[in-house]
Amino acid sequence: MSYLAESLKKLKYDKRMLDWNLKQKLLTKTEYEKHLSSLEDISHLKAEEKLTKDLETKEKNKPETTDVKEEIDKEDRKELSDINKFKKNLFKSEL
C-alpha cells in the first residue's frame, strides 16, 4: 500500500475529509454514523480542562505580596514628594 493510500485510510473518519470520502464512496453515511456512536464521550475532559485553566488564571492574577506592595508605596511616596518639590520650586521661580 502506498504512503498516500495509508494516509487517506487514516483520515477516513476525519471531519476535514468527510465530504471527499463520501463523494468517493470510500465511506457511507451509515458507516460514519456507526463510527461516531462508537466514540467515547469525552465531554467531561473539556470541563476539567476549563477548570484547570481557570485555576491557573486565578493563580497568575493573585494580588502582590505585602512586601512588594509596601515597596511600591514607598516609591510612589518618593515620586510624589519629588513632584511636590518640583512644583514648589517652579512656583518660587515664577514669583
Protein backbone atom coordinates (compact mmCIF):
# COMPACT_ATOMS: atom_id res chain seq x y z
CA MET A 1 0.00 0.00 0.00
CA SER A 2 1.36 3.39 -0.96
CA TYR A 3 2.05 6.16 1.52
CA LEU A 4 -0.80 8.24 0.13
CA ALA A 5 -3.26 5.35 0.41
CA GLU A 6 -2.18 4.73 4.01
CA SER A 7 -2.57 8.40 4.87
CA LEU A 8 -6.04 8.55 3.32
CA LYS A 9 -7.06 5.40 5.19
CA LYS A 10 -6.00 7.02 8.49
CA LEU A 11 -8.12 10.06 7.60
CA LYS A 12 -11.18 8.02 6.64
CA TYR A 13 -13.25 9.38 9.54
CA ASP A 14 -11.57 12.76 9.74
CA LYS A 15 -14.10 15.59 9.69
CA ARG A 16 -11.99 17.56 7.22
CA MET A 17 -12.12 14.63 4.76
CA LEU A 18 -15.75 13.63 5.30
CA ASP A 19 -17.23 15.20 2.15
CA TRP A 20 -14.46 13.88 -0.05
CA ASN A 21 -14.71 10.35 1.40
CA LEU A 22 -18.48 10.34 0.90
CA LYS A 23 -18.19 11.57 -2.72
CA GLN A 24 -15.51 8.98 -3.49
CA LYS A 25 -17.72 6.30 -1.91
CA LEU A 26 -14.93 5.38 0.47
CA LEU A 27 -17.38 5.89 3.31
CA THR A 28 -21.14 5.61 3.69
CA LYS A 29 -23.26 7.77 5.96
CA THR A 30 -24.31 4.67 7.89
CA GLU A 31 -20.69 3.66 8.39
CA TYR A 32 -19.81 7.18 9.54
CA GLU A 33 -22.74 7.31 11.99
CA LYS A 34 -21.70 3.92 13.36
CA HIS A 35 -18.18 5.23 13.86
CA LEU A 36 -19.48 8.35 15.67
CA SER A 37 -21.63 6.28 18.01
CA SER A 38 -18.62 4.10 18.87
CA LEU A 39 -16.57 7.06 20.05
CA GLU A 40 -16.04 7.59 23.76
CA ASP A 41 -17.79 10.56 25.39
CA ILE A 42 -15.01 12.91 26.49
CA SER A 43 -17.09 15.98 27.30
CA HIS A 44 -16.04 15.67 30.96
CA LEU A 45 -12.43 16.24 29.90
CA LYS A 46 -13.35 19.61 28.42
CA ALA A 47 -14.91 20.66 31.74
CA GLU A 48 -11.78 19.55 33.62
CA GLU A 49 -9.59 21.44 31.16
CA LYS A 50 -11.63 24.62 31.65
CA LEU A 51 -11.45 24.25 35.43
CA THR A 52 -7.67 23.80 35.27
CA LYS A 53 -7.29 26.91 33.09
CA ASP A 54 -9.50 28.91 35.45
CA LEU A 55 -7.36 27.86 38.43
CA GLU A 56 -4.14 28.71 36.58
CA THR A 57 -5.52 32.14 35.66
CA LYS A 58 -6.54 32.74 39.26
CA GLU A 59 -3.00 31.86 40.42
CA LYS A 60 -1.45 34.26 37.90
CA ASN A 61 -3.75 37.09 38.96
CA LYS A 62 -3.12 36.76 42.69
CA PRO A 63 -2.51 40.10 44.39
CA GLU A 64 1.06 41.09 45.08
CA THR A 65 2.60 40.22 48.41
CA THR A 66 2.63 42.92 51.06
CA ASP A 67 6.41 43.36 50.84
CA VAL A 68 6.24 44.25 47.18
CA LYS A 69 3.19 46.42 47.77
CA GLU A 70 4.98 48.33 50.55
CA GLU A 71 7.98 48.82 48.29
CA ILE A 72 5.74 50.22 45.55
CA ASP A 73 4.05 52.51 48.08
CA LYS A 74 7.48 53.83 49.16
CA GLU A 75 8.42 54.50 45.54
CA ASP A 76 5.10 56.27 44.92
CA ARG A 77 5.53 58.45 48.02
CA LYS A 78 9.07 59.39 46.96
CA GLU A 79 7.90 60.20 43.45
CA LEU A 80 5.03 62.28 44.81
CA SER A 81 7.45 64.09 47.11
CA ASP A 82 9.74 64.84 44.17
CA ILE A 83 6.79 66.19 42.16
CA ASN A 84 5.72 68.43 45.04
CA LYS A 85 9.27 69.75 45.43
CA PHE A 86 9.38 70.48 41.71
CA LYS A 87 6.06 72.35 41.92
CA LYS A 88 7.27 74.45 44.88
CA ASN A 89 10.46 75.36 43.05
CA LEU A 90 8.52 76.16 39.92
CA PHE A 91 6.15 78.49 41.77
CA LYS A 92 9.05 80.19 43.59
CA SER A 93 10.80 80.91 40.32
CA GLU A 94 7.62 82.41 38.85
CA LEU A 95 7.23 84.89 41.72
